[in-house]
Amino acid sequence: MIPSTPTPRAPEVQKKLCMLGSFAVGKTSLVARFVHSMFSERYHTTVGVRIDKKLVELPGRRVKLMLWDLQGEDVFRRVQTTYLRGAAGYVLVVDGTRRDTLAIAASLHERAVMALGPGTPFTLALNKADLDEHWQIDEPALDPWRARAAVITRTSAKTGAGVEEMLRELARRVTEPRARARP
């Protein structure tokens, strides 16, 4: 029997990602789906910030994601910009059944750019994709986001569709050398 030598582990880095969006868009549910593979129909208001973590294996590296789930946009102006400090990237969560949440995401994006600088990796999560019959966001409404070089993903915290892929892609982007994106 040949003694096995342990395979070297890929280096581990820790990255902070913030979940931003209006109230009730599904920020907490997306994190719960990603971290714990679960979904609850009950609405839970996040007060302040809730932090979860998950280790993601990427080619050649391991990334410990610190997911900061920030309360809805109504308090963002007063408190939450301080929570953004040190973030390597962020997810703008939009409720696809509420068109107005896209405009709120644009406002949050502007504040995130001011706090973190242009070129900080982000993704736009069009959440609640399982409610297709109530969908209110059409393709032309996404053109300004494409111009910002955003990664746009339809997600469903309920079914899990797009959630893992979206956050793994953001993890990949925050661990690569930055190419400055357009604000």
N, C-alpha and C. Protein backbone atom coordinates (compact mmCIF):
# COMPACT_ATOMS: atom_id res chain seq x y z
N MET A 1 0.84 -1.18 0.00
CA MET A 1 0.00 0.00 0.00
C MET A 1 0.88 1.24 0.00
N ILE A 2 0.58 2.14 -0.88
CA ILE A 2 1.35 3.38 -1.00
C ILE A 2 0.73 4.43 -0.09
N PRO A 3 1.56 5.02 0.78
CA PRO A 3 0.99 6.06 1.65
C PRO A 3 0.53 7.25 0.81
N SER A 4 -0.62 7.72 1.15
CA SER A 4 -1.15 8.86 0.39
C SER A 4 -0.63 10.16 1.00
N THR A 5 -0.30 11.03 0.12
CA THR A 5 0.11 12.35 0.59
C THR A 5 -1.09 13.27 0.46
N PRO A 6 -1.30 14.08 1.45
CA PRO A 6 -2.46 14.96 1.37
C PRO A 6 -2.32 15.92 0.19
N THR A 7 -3.41 16.10 -0.50
CA THR A 7 -3.38 17.06 -1.61
C THR A 7 -3.39 18.46 -1.02
N PRO A 8 -2.59 19.33 -1.59
CA PRO A 8 -2.55 20.67 -1.03
C PRO A 8 -3.90 21.36 -1.23
N ARG A 9 -4.31 22.05 -0.20
CA ARG A 9 -5.57 22.78 -0.28
C ARG A 9 -5.33 24.11 -0.97
N ALA A 10 -6.30 24.51 -1.73
CA ALA A 10 -6.23 25.81 -2.38
C ALA A 10 -6.25 26.89 -1.31
N PRO A 11 -5.57 27.99 -1.56
CA PRO A 11 -5.58 29.06 -0.57
C PRO A 11 -7.01 29.57 -0.34
N GLU A 12 -7.27 29.98 0.90
CA GLU A 12 -8.59 30.49 1.25
C GLU A 12 -8.52 32.00 1.45
N VAL A 13 -9.45 32.68 0.84
CA VAL A 13 -9.56 34.12 1.03
C VAL A 13 -10.96 34.41 1.56
N GLN A 14 -11.08 35.49 2.28
CA GLN A 14 -12.38 35.90 2.82
C GLN A 14 -12.83 37.17 2.11
N LYS A 15 -14.07 37.20 1.67
CA LYS A 15 -14.61 38.36 0.96
C LYS A 15 -15.99 38.70 1.51
N LYS A 16 -16.20 39.99 1.70
CA LYS A 16 -17.48 40.50 2.18
C LYS A 16 -18.33 40.91 0.98
N LEU A 17 -19.57 40.40 0.94
CA LEU A 17 -20.54 40.78 -0.07
C LEU A 17 -21.77 41.33 0.64
N CYS A 18 -22.33 42.42 0.13
CA CYS A 18 -23.53 43.01 0.73
C CYS A 18 -24.73 42.76 -0.17
N MET A 19 -25.85 42.45 0.45
CA MET A 19 -27.12 42.26 -0.24
C MET A 19 -27.91 43.56 -0.07
N LEU A 20 -28.20 44.23 -1.18
CA LEU A 20 -28.90 45.51 -1.14
C LEU A 20 -30.21 45.41 -1.91
N GLY A 21 -31.22 46.12 -1.46
CA GLY A 21 -32.49 46.15 -2.18
C GLY A 21 -33.58 46.72 -1.31
N SER A 22 -34.71 46.92 -1.92
CA SER A 22 -35.89 47.42 -1.24
C SER A 22 -36.37 46.40 -0.21
N PHE A 23 -37.36 46.77 0.59
CA PHE A 23 -37.94 45.83 1.53
C PHE A 23 -38.69 44.73 0.76
N ALA A 24 -38.67 43.54 1.29
CA ALA A 24 -39.43 42.39 0.79
C ALA A 24 -39.10 41.97 -0.65
N VAL A 25 -37.85 42.23 -1.09
CA VAL A 25 -37.46 41.75 -2.43
C VAL A 25 -36.89 40.34 -2.38
N GLY A 26 -36.53 39.88 -1.18
CA GLY A 26 -36.02 38.51 -1.03
C GLY A 26 -34.55 38.41 -0.70
N LYS A 27 -33.95 39.47 -0.15
CA LYS A 27 -32.52 39.43 0.20
C LYS A 27 -32.24 38.31 1.20
N THR A 28 -32.99 38.28 2.29
CA THR A 28 -32.79 37.27 3.32
C THR A 28 -33.07 35.88 2.78
N SER A 29 -34.09 35.75 1.96
CA SER A 29 -34.44 34.44 1.39
C SER A 29 -33.36 33.94 0.43
N LEU A 30 -32.75 34.83 -0.34
CA LEU A 30 -31.66 34.43 -1.23
C LEU A 30 -30.47 33.92 -0.43
N VAL A 31 -30.13 34.63 0.66
CA VAL A 31 -29.02 34.20 1.51
C VAL A 31 -29.33 32.85 2.14
N ALA A 32 -30.55 32.68 2.65
CA ALA A 32 -30.94 31.41 3.28
C ALA A 32 -30.87 30.27 2.27
N ARG A 33 -31.30 30.52 1.05
CA ARG A 33 -31.24 29.49 0.01
C ARG A 33 -29.78 29.12 -0.29
N PHE A 34 -28.92 30.13 -0.42
CA PHE A 34 -27.52 29.90 -0.77
C PHE A 34 -26.75 29.22 0.36
N VAL A 35 -26.92 29.71 1.58
CA VAL A 35 -26.13 29.22 2.70
C VAL A 35 -26.69 27.93 3.30
N HIS A 36 -28.02 27.88 3.45
CA HIS A 36 -28.64 26.75 4.17
C HIS A 36 -29.51 25.86 3.28
N SER A 37 -29.62 26.17 1.99
CA SER A 37 -30.47 25.42 1.05
C SER A 37 -31.91 25.32 1.54
N MET A 38 -32.42 26.43 2.07
CA MET A 38 -33.79 26.42 2.57
C MET A 38 -34.53 27.67 2.14
N PHE A 39 -35.86 27.59 2.21
CA PHE A 39 -36.73 28.71 1.87
C PHE A 39 -37.92 28.68 2.81
N SER A 40 -38.32 29.84 3.30
CA SER A 40 -39.50 29.96 4.14
C SER A 40 -40.49 30.91 3.48
N GLU A 41 -41.75 30.54 3.48
CA GLU A 41 -42.81 31.41 2.94
C GLU A 41 -43.07 32.61 3.84
N ARG A 42 -42.65 32.50 5.10
CA ARG A 42 -42.90 33.59 6.06
C ARG A 42 -41.94 34.74 5.82
N TYR A 43 -42.45 35.95 5.88
CA TYR A 43 -41.63 37.14 5.68
C TYR A 43 -41.00 37.52 7.01
N HIS A 44 -39.69 37.72 6.98
CA HIS A 44 -38.95 38.15 8.17
C HIS A 44 -38.26 39.46 7.85
N THR A 45 -38.59 40.50 8.59
CA THR A 45 -37.95 41.79 8.39
C THR A 45 -36.55 41.74 9.00
N THR A 46 -35.56 42.15 8.23
CA THR A 46 -34.20 42.25 8.76
C THR A 46 -34.06 43.61 9.43
N VAL A 47 -33.59 43.61 10.65
CA VAL A 47 -33.34 44.85 11.37
C VAL A 47 -31.83 45.02 11.45
N GLY A 48 -31.34 46.12 10.89
CA GLY A 48 -29.89 46.35 10.87
C GLY A 48 -29.23 45.48 9.83
N VAL A 49 -28.40 44.56 10.31
CA VAL A 49 -27.67 43.69 9.39
C VAL A 49 -27.62 42.28 9.98
N ARG A 50 -27.67 41.30 9.11
CA ARG A 50 -27.49 39.91 9.50
C ARG A 50 -26.34 39.36 8.66
N ILE A 51 -25.41 38.67 9.28
CA ILE A 51 -24.23 38.17 8.58
C ILE A 51 -24.24 36.64 8.57
N ASP A 52 -24.14 36.08 7.38
CA ASP A 52 -24.00 34.64 7.20
C ASP A 52 -22.72 34.39 6.42
N LYS A 53 -22.22 33.16 6.49
CA LYS A 53 -21.00 32.86 5.73
C LYS A 53 -21.14 31.50 5.05
N LYS A 54 -20.42 31.39 3.93
CA LYS A 54 -20.38 30.12 3.20
C LYS A 54 -19.05 30.03 2.47
N LEU A 55 -18.46 28.85 2.52
CA LEU A 55 -17.21 28.58 1.82
C LEU A 55 -17.54 28.10 0.41
N VAL A 56 -16.96 28.76 -0.58
CA VAL A 56 -17.18 28.43 -1.98
C VAL A 56 -15.86 27.96 -2.58
N GLU A 57 -15.89 26.82 -3.23
CA GLU A 57 -14.70 26.28 -3.90
C GLU A 57 -14.71 26.75 -5.35
N LEU A 58 -13.67 27.46 -5.74
CA LEU A 58 -13.49 27.90 -7.11
C LEU A 58 -12.19 27.28 -7.63
N PRO A 59 -12.00 27.21 -8.93
CA PRO A 59 -10.75 26.65 -9.44
C PRO A 59 -9.53 27.39 -8.87
N GLY A 60 -8.71 26.67 -8.14
CA GLY A 60 -7.48 27.24 -7.60
C GLY A 60 -7.62 28.08 -6.35
N ARG A 61 -8.82 28.20 -5.83
CA ARG A 61 -8.98 29.01 -4.62
C ARG A 61 -10.28 28.66 -3.89
N ARG A 62 -10.26 28.93 -2.61
CA ARG A 62 -11.43 28.76 -1.76
C ARG A 62 -11.80 30.14 -1.24
N VAL A 63 -13.08 30.47 -1.32
CA VAL A 63 -13.52 31.80 -0.93
C VAL A 63 -14.55 31.67 0.18
N LYS A 64 -14.23 32.25 1.34
CA LYS A 64 -15.21 32.32 2.41
C LYS A 64 -15.99 33.61 2.21
N LEU A 65 -17.24 33.46 1.80
CA LEU A 65 -18.09 34.63 1.57
C LEU A 65 -18.76 35.03 2.87
N MET A 66 -18.60 36.27 3.23
CA MET A 66 -19.30 36.86 4.37
C MET A 66 -20.44 37.66 3.76
N LEU A 67 -21.66 37.14 3.89
CA LEU A 67 -22.83 37.74 3.26
C LEU A 67 -23.55 38.66 4.24
N TRP A 68 -23.48 39.94 3.97
CA TRP A 68 -24.12 40.94 4.82
C TRP A 68 -25.49 41.24 4.24
N ASP A 69 -26.51 40.80 4.94
CA ASP A 69 -27.91 41.00 4.54
C ASP A 69 -28.39 42.28 5.23
N LEU A 70 -28.48 43.36 4.45
CA LEU A 70 -28.83 44.66 5.02
C LEU A 70 -30.33 44.90 4.93
N GLN A 71 -30.86 45.56 5.96
CA GLN A 71 -32.30 45.83 5.95
C GLN A 71 -32.69 46.67 4.74
N GLY A 72 -33.96 46.71 4.44
CA GLY A 72 -34.49 47.37 3.24
C GLY A 72 -34.06 48.81 3.06
N GLU A 73 -34.26 49.30 1.86
CA GLU A 73 -33.74 50.58 1.40
C GLU A 73 -34.20 51.77 2.19
N ASP A 74 -35.32 51.71 2.87
CA ASP A 74 -35.86 52.90 3.52
C ASP A 74 -34.94 53.47 4.59
N VAL A 75 -34.07 52.65 5.19
CA VAL A 75 -33.17 53.14 6.22
C VAL A 75 -31.75 53.30 5.69
N PHE A 76 -31.52 52.89 4.45
CA PHE A 76 -30.17 52.89 3.88
C PHE A 76 -29.51 54.26 3.97
N ARG A 77 -30.23 55.31 3.70
CA ARG A 77 -29.65 56.66 3.69
C ARG A 77 -29.03 57.01 5.04
N ARG A 78 -29.66 56.58 6.12
CA ARG A 78 -29.19 56.95 7.45
C ARG A 78 -28.07 56.05 7.96
N VAL A 79 -28.21 54.75 7.76
CA VAL A 79 -27.33 53.82 8.46
C VAL A 79 -26.47 52.97 7.56
N GLN A 80 -27.03 52.39 6.53
CA GLN A 80 -26.39 51.26 5.88
C GLN A 80 -25.13 51.55 5.09
N THR A 81 -24.89 52.77 4.69
CA THR A 81 -23.66 53.00 3.94
C THR A 81 -22.44 52.62 4.77
N THR A 82 -22.53 52.73 6.10
CA THR A 82 -21.41 52.31 6.94
C THR A 82 -21.21 50.79 6.87
N TYR A 83 -22.28 50.04 6.66
CA TYR A 83 -22.17 48.59 6.54
C TYR A 83 -21.44 48.17 5.27
N LEU A 84 -21.39 49.05 4.28
CA LEU A 84 -20.74 48.71 3.01
C LEU A 84 -19.21 48.71 3.11
N ARG A 85 -18.66 49.41 4.09
CA ARG A 85 -17.20 49.51 4.18
C ARG A 85 -16.55 48.13 4.17
N GLY A 86 -15.54 48.01 3.33
CA GLY A 86 -14.80 46.76 3.25
C GLY A 86 -15.42 45.71 2.35
N ALA A 87 -16.55 46.02 1.74
CA ALA A 87 -17.19 45.04 0.85
C ALA A 87 -16.40 44.90 -0.44
N ALA A 88 -16.24 43.67 -0.88
CA ALA A 88 -15.55 43.39 -2.15
C ALA A 88 -16.52 43.44 -3.32
N GLY A 89 -17.82 43.34 -3.02
CA GLY A 89 -18.84 43.36 -4.05
C GLY A 89 -20.21 43.39 -3.41
N TYR A 90 -21.24 43.46 -4.26
CA TYR A 90 -22.59 43.51 -3.73
C TYR A 90 -23.59 42.96 -4.73
N VAL A 91 -24.73 42.57 -4.18
CA VAL A 91 -25.85 42.08 -4.98
C VAL A 91 -26.99 43.07 -4.82
N LEU A 92 -27.47 43.60 -5.92
CA LEU A 92 -28.67 44.44 -5.92
C LEU A 92 -29.84 43.52 -6.20
N VAL A 93 -30.73 43.38 -5.23
CA VAL A 93 -31.86 42.47 -5.37
C VAL A 93 -33.11 43.26 -5.74
N VAL A 94 -33.76 42.80 -6.80
CA VAL A 94 -34.98 43.42 -7.31
C VAL A 94 -36.08 42.37 -7.29
N ASP A 95 -37.28 42.77 -6.95
CA ASP A 95 -38.44 41.89 -7.02
C ASP A 95 -39.02 42.02 -8.42
N GLY A 96 -38.91 40.99 -9.22
CA GLY A 96 -39.38 41.03 -10.60
C GLY A 96 -40.87 41.27 -10.74
N THR A 97 -41.61 41.13 -9.65
CA THR A 97 -43.06 41.38 -9.69
C THR A 97 -43.40 42.80 -9.24
N ARG A 98 -42.38 43.59 -8.91
CA ARG A 98 -42.58 44.99 -8.48
C ARG A 98 -41.59 45.86 -9.24
N ARG A 99 -42.03 46.45 -10.32
CA ARG A 99 -41.15 47.24 -11.20
C ARG A 99 -40.45 48.37 -10.45
N ASP A 100 -41.11 48.97 -9.46
CA ASP A 100 -40.52 50.09 -8.73
C ASP A 100 -39.24 49.70 -8.00
N THR A 101 -39.03 48.43 -7.71
CA THR A 101 -37.82 48.02 -7.01
C THR A 101 -36.57 48.14 -7.89
N LEU A 102 -36.77 48.22 -9.20
CA LEU A 102 -35.64 48.43 -10.11
C LEU A 102 -35.10 49.86 -9.97
N ALA A 103 -35.98 50.83 -9.83
CA ALA A 103 -35.56 52.22 -9.62
C ALA A 103 -34.87 52.38 -8.27
N ILE A 104 -35.36 51.68 -7.26
CA ILE A 104 -34.73 51.73 -5.94
C ILE A 104 -33.33 51.12 -6.02
N ALA A 105 -33.19 50.04 -6.79
CA ALA A 105 -31.87 49.42 -6.97
C ALA A 105 -30.90 50.39 -7.64
N ALA A 106 -31.39 51.20 -8.58
CA ALA A 106 -30.52 52.19 -9.24
C ALA A 106 -30.01 53.21 -8.23
N SER A 107 -30.88 53.65 -7.33
CA SER A 107 -30.48 54.59 -6.29
C SER A 107 -29.47 53.95 -5.34
N LEU A 108 -29.71 52.71 -4.96
CA LEU A 108 -28.78 52.00 -4.07
C LEU A 108 -27.43 51.78 -4.76
N HIS A 109 -27.47 51.51 -6.05
CA HIS A 109 -26.23 51.32 -6.81
C HIS A 109 -25.39 52.60 -6.77
N GLU A 110 -26.03 53.75 -6.97
CA GLU A 110 -25.31 55.03 -6.92
C GLU A 110 -24.64 55.22 -5.57
N ARG A 111 -25.36 54.91 -4.50
CA ARG A 111 -24.78 55.07 -3.16
C ARG A 111 -23.66 54.06 -2.91
N ALA A 112 -23.82 52.86 -3.43
CA ALA A 112 -22.76 51.85 -3.27
C ALA A 112 -21.51 52.27 -4.02
N VAL A 113 -21.67 52.83 -5.22
CA VAL A 113 -20.51 53.32 -5.99
C VAL A 113 -19.82 54.44 -5.22
N MET A 114 -20.59 55.33 -4.61
CA MET A 114 -19.99 56.42 -3.82
C MET A 114 -19.23 55.86 -2.62
N ALA A 115 -19.76 54.83 -1.99
CA ALA A 115 -19.13 54.26 -0.80
C ALA A 115 -17.95 53.36 -1.12
N LEU A 116 -18.04 52.59 -2.22
CA LEU A 116 -17.03 51.57 -2.52
C LEU A 116 -16.13 51.91 -3.70
N GLY A 117 -16.55 52.88 -4.49
CA GLY A 117 -15.78 53.26 -5.66
C GLY A 117 -16.30 52.58 -6.91
N PRO A 118 -16.07 53.22 -8.06
CA PRO A 118 -16.50 52.62 -9.32
C PRO A 118 -15.69 51.35 -9.60
N GLY A 119 -16.29 50.42 -10.27
CA GLY A 119 -15.58 49.19 -10.61
C GLY A 119 -15.74 48.09 -9.60
N THR A 120 -16.41 48.36 -8.48
CA THR A 120 -16.65 47.30 -7.51
C THR A 120 -17.61 46.29 -8.14
N PRO A 121 -17.24 45.01 -8.16
CA PRO A 121 -18.11 44.01 -8.80
C PRO A 121 -19.48 43.94 -8.13
N PHE A 122 -20.51 43.83 -8.96
CA PHE A 122 -21.86 43.67 -8.44
C PHE A 122 -22.67 42.86 -9.43
N THR A 123 -23.79 42.37 -8.95
CA THR A 123 -24.72 41.66 -9.81
C THR A 123 -26.12 42.16 -9.51
N LEU A 124 -26.98 42.08 -10.50
CA LEU A 124 -28.38 42.45 -10.35
C LEU A 124 -29.18 41.16 -10.33
N ALA A 125 -29.82 40.88 -9.19
CA ALA A 125 -30.64 39.67 -9.05
C ALA A 125 -32.10 40.03 -9.28
N LEU A 126 -32.66 39.51 -10.35
CA LEU A 126 -34.09 39.69 -10.62
C LEU A 126 -34.79 38.53 -9.92
N ASN A 127 -35.19 38.76 -8.69
CA ASN A 127 -35.69 37.68 -7.84
C ASN A 127 -37.19 37.43 -8.06
N LYS A 128 -37.61 36.30 -7.59
CA LYS A 128 -38.99 35.81 -7.68
C LYS A 128 -39.34 35.36 -9.09
N ALA A 129 -38.36 34.75 -9.76
CA ALA A 129 -38.55 34.25 -11.12
C ALA A 129 -39.61 33.15 -11.19
N ASP A 130 -39.93 32.55 -10.06
CA ASP A 130 -40.98 31.52 -10.03
C ASP A 130 -42.37 32.12 -10.20
N LEU A 131 -42.49 33.45 -10.11
CA LEU A 131 -43.78 34.13 -10.26
C LEU A 131 -43.89 34.77 -11.63
N ASP A 132 -43.58 34.01 -12.65
CA ASP A 132 -43.52 34.52 -14.02
C ASP A 132 -44.82 35.19 -14.48
N GLU A 133 -45.96 34.69 -14.03
CA GLU A 133 -47.23 35.27 -14.46
C GLU A 133 -47.46 36.68 -13.90
N HIS A 134 -46.68 37.07 -12.90
CA HIS A 134 -46.79 38.41 -12.30
C HIS A 134 -45.60 39.30 -12.67
N TRP A 135 -44.75 38.84 -13.57
CA TRP A 135 -43.50 39.54 -13.89
C TRP A 135 -43.77 40.92 -14.48
N GLN A 136 -43.04 41.95 -14.00
CA GLN A 136 -43.25 43.32 -14.45
C GLN A 136 -42.02 43.96 -15.08
N ILE A 137 -40.90 43.28 -15.11
CA ILE A 137 -39.67 43.89 -15.62
C ILE A 137 -39.37 43.32 -17.00
N ASP A 138 -39.40 44.20 -18.01
CA ASP A 138 -39.15 43.76 -19.38
C ASP A 138 -37.69 44.00 -19.75
N GLU A 139 -37.28 43.44 -20.87
CA GLU A 139 -35.89 43.53 -21.32
C GLU A 139 -35.40 44.97 -21.51
N PRO A 140 -36.18 45.88 -22.13
CA PRO A 140 -35.68 47.26 -22.29
C PRO A 140 -35.36 47.94 -20.95
N ALA A 141 -36.07 47.57 -19.89
CA ALA A 141 -35.80 48.16 -18.57
C ALA A 141 -34.43 47.77 -18.04
N LEU A 142 -33.85 46.71 -18.61
CA LEU A 142 -32.54 46.22 -18.15
C LEU A 142 -31.38 46.81 -18.94
N ASP A 143 -31.67 47.51 -20.03
CA ASP A 143 -30.60 48.08 -20.86
C ASP A 143 -29.64 48.99 -20.08
N PRO A 144 -30.14 49.87 -19.20
CA PRO A 144 -29.18 50.69 -18.43
C PRO A 144 -28.22 49.85 -17.58
N TRP A 145 -28.69 48.71 -17.11
CA TRP A 145 -27.83 47.84 -16.30
C TRP A 145 -26.79 47.15 -17.17
N ARG A 146 -27.16 46.79 -18.36
CA ARG A 146 -26.18 46.20 -19.29
C ARG A 146 -25.10 47.22 -19.62
N ALA A 147 -25.49 48.49 -19.75
CA ALA A 147 -24.52 49.55 -20.02
C ALA A 147 -23.54 49.72 -18.87
N ARG A 148 -23.95 49.35 -17.67
CA ARG A 148 -23.07 49.42 -16.49
C ARG A 148 -22.23 48.16 -16.36
N ALA A 149 -22.33 47.26 -17.30
CA ALA A 149 -21.59 45.99 -17.29
C ALA A 149 -22.01 45.10 -16.13
N ALA A 150 -23.27 45.20 -15.75
CA ALA A 150 -23.77 44.37 -14.66
C ALA A 150 -24.01 42.94 -15.14
N VAL A 151 -23.78 42.00 -14.24
CA VAL A 151 -24.21 40.63 -14.48
C VAL A 151 -25.66 40.58 -13.99
N ILE A 152 -26.57 40.20 -14.86
CA ILE A 152 -27.99 40.17 -14.53
C ILE A 152 -28.44 38.72 -14.50
N THR A 153 -29.05 38.31 -13.38
CA THR A 153 -29.47 36.92 -13.21
C THR A 153 -30.90 36.86 -12.70
N ARG A 154 -31.72 36.06 -13.34
CA ARG A 154 -33.06 35.79 -12.80
C ARG A 154 -32.90 34.72 -11.73
N THR A 155 -33.43 35.01 -10.55
CA THR A 155 -33.28 34.09 -9.43
C THR A 155 -34.64 33.78 -8.81
N SER A 156 -34.67 32.70 -8.08
CA SER A 156 -35.84 32.36 -7.27
C SER A 156 -35.32 31.75 -5.97
N ALA A 157 -35.50 32.48 -4.88
CA ALA A 157 -35.12 31.93 -3.59
C ALA A 157 -36.00 30.72 -3.27
N LYS A 158 -37.22 30.72 -3.77
CA LYS A 158 -38.15 29.62 -3.50
C LYS A 158 -37.69 28.32 -4.15
N THR A 159 -37.35 28.36 -5.44
CA THR A 159 -36.95 27.13 -6.14
C THR A 159 -35.44 26.93 -6.15
N GLY A 160 -34.69 27.99 -5.88
CA GLY A 160 -33.23 27.93 -5.94
C GLY A 160 -32.66 28.29 -7.30
N ALA A 161 -33.51 28.51 -8.28
CA ALA A 161 -33.05 28.80 -9.64
C ALA A 161 -32.14 30.03 -9.67
N GLY A 162 -30.95 29.86 -10.23
CA GLY A 162 -30.02 30.96 -10.43
C GLY A 162 -29.25 31.44 -9.22
N VAL A 163 -29.61 31.01 -8.02
CA VAL A 163 -29.02 31.56 -6.80
C VAL A 163 -27.55 31.16 -6.66
N GLU A 164 -27.27 29.87 -6.70
CA GLU A 164 -25.90 29.38 -6.54
C GLU A 164 -25.00 29.94 -7.64
N GLU A 165 -25.47 29.90 -8.87
CA GLU A 165 -24.68 30.38 -10.01
C GLU A 165 -24.35 31.86 -9.87
N MET A 166 -25.34 32.65 -9.46
CA MET A 166 -25.14 34.09 -9.32
C MET A 166 -24.06 34.40 -8.28
N LEU A 167 -24.16 33.79 -7.12
CA LEU A 167 -23.21 34.10 -6.05
C LEU A 167 -21.84 33.49 -6.31
N ARG A 168 -21.77 32.35 -6.96
CA ARG A 168 -20.47 31.79 -7.34
C ARG A 168 -19.78 32.70 -8.36
N GLU A 169 -20.53 33.22 -9.31
CA GLU A 169 -19.96 34.13 -10.31
C GLU A 169 -19.46 35.41 -9.64
N LEU A 170 -20.21 35.94 -8.69
CA LEU A 170 -19.76 37.14 -7.99
C LEU A 170 -18.52 36.82 -7.15
N ALA A 171 -18.47 35.65 -6.54
CA ALA A 171 -17.28 35.23 -5.79
C ALA A 171 -16.07 35.17 -6.71
N ARG A 172 -16.26 34.64 -7.91
CA ARG A 172 -15.17 34.58 -8.88
C ARG A 172 -14.70 36.00 -9.23
N ARG A 173 -15.64 36.89 -9.47
CA ARG A 173 -15.30 38.25 -9.88
C ARG A 173 -14.58 39.03 -8.78
N VAL A 174 -14.97 38.84 -7.52
CA VAL A 174 -14.33 39.61 -6.44
C VAL A 174 -12.96 39.07 -6.09
N THR A 175 -12.61 37.88 -6.57
CA THR A 175 -11.29 37.33 -6.28
C THR A 175 -10.32 37.47 -7.45
N GLU A 176 -10.77 38.06 -8.54
CA GLU A 176 -9.90 38.30 -9.68
C GLU A 176 -9.40 39.74 -9.64
N PRO A 177 -8.26 39.99 -10.28
CA PRO A 177 -7.80 41.39 -10.36
C PRO A 177 -8.89 42.23 -11.03
N ARG A 178 -9.10 43.41 -10.49
CA ARG A 178 -10.18 44.26 -10.96
C ARG A 178 -9.92 44.90 -12.30
N ALA A 179 -10.90 44.77 -13.16
CA ALA A 179 -10.98 45.58 -14.37
C ALA A 179 -12.06 46.61 -14.07
N ARG A 180 -11.75 47.84 -14.14
CA ARG A 180 -12.69 48.88 -13.74
C ARG A 180 -13.93 48.87 -14.62
N ALA A 181 -15.07 48.69 -13.98
CA ALA A 181 -16.36 48.72 -14.69
C ALA A 181 -16.90 50.14 -14.69
N ARG A 182 -17.91 50.34 -15.50
CA ARG A 182 -18.55 51.66 -15.55
C ARG A 182 -19.54 51.79 -14.39
N PRO A 183 -19.59 52.97 -13.75
CA PRO A 183 -20.56 53.16 -12.67
C PRO A 183 -21.93 53.26 -13.26
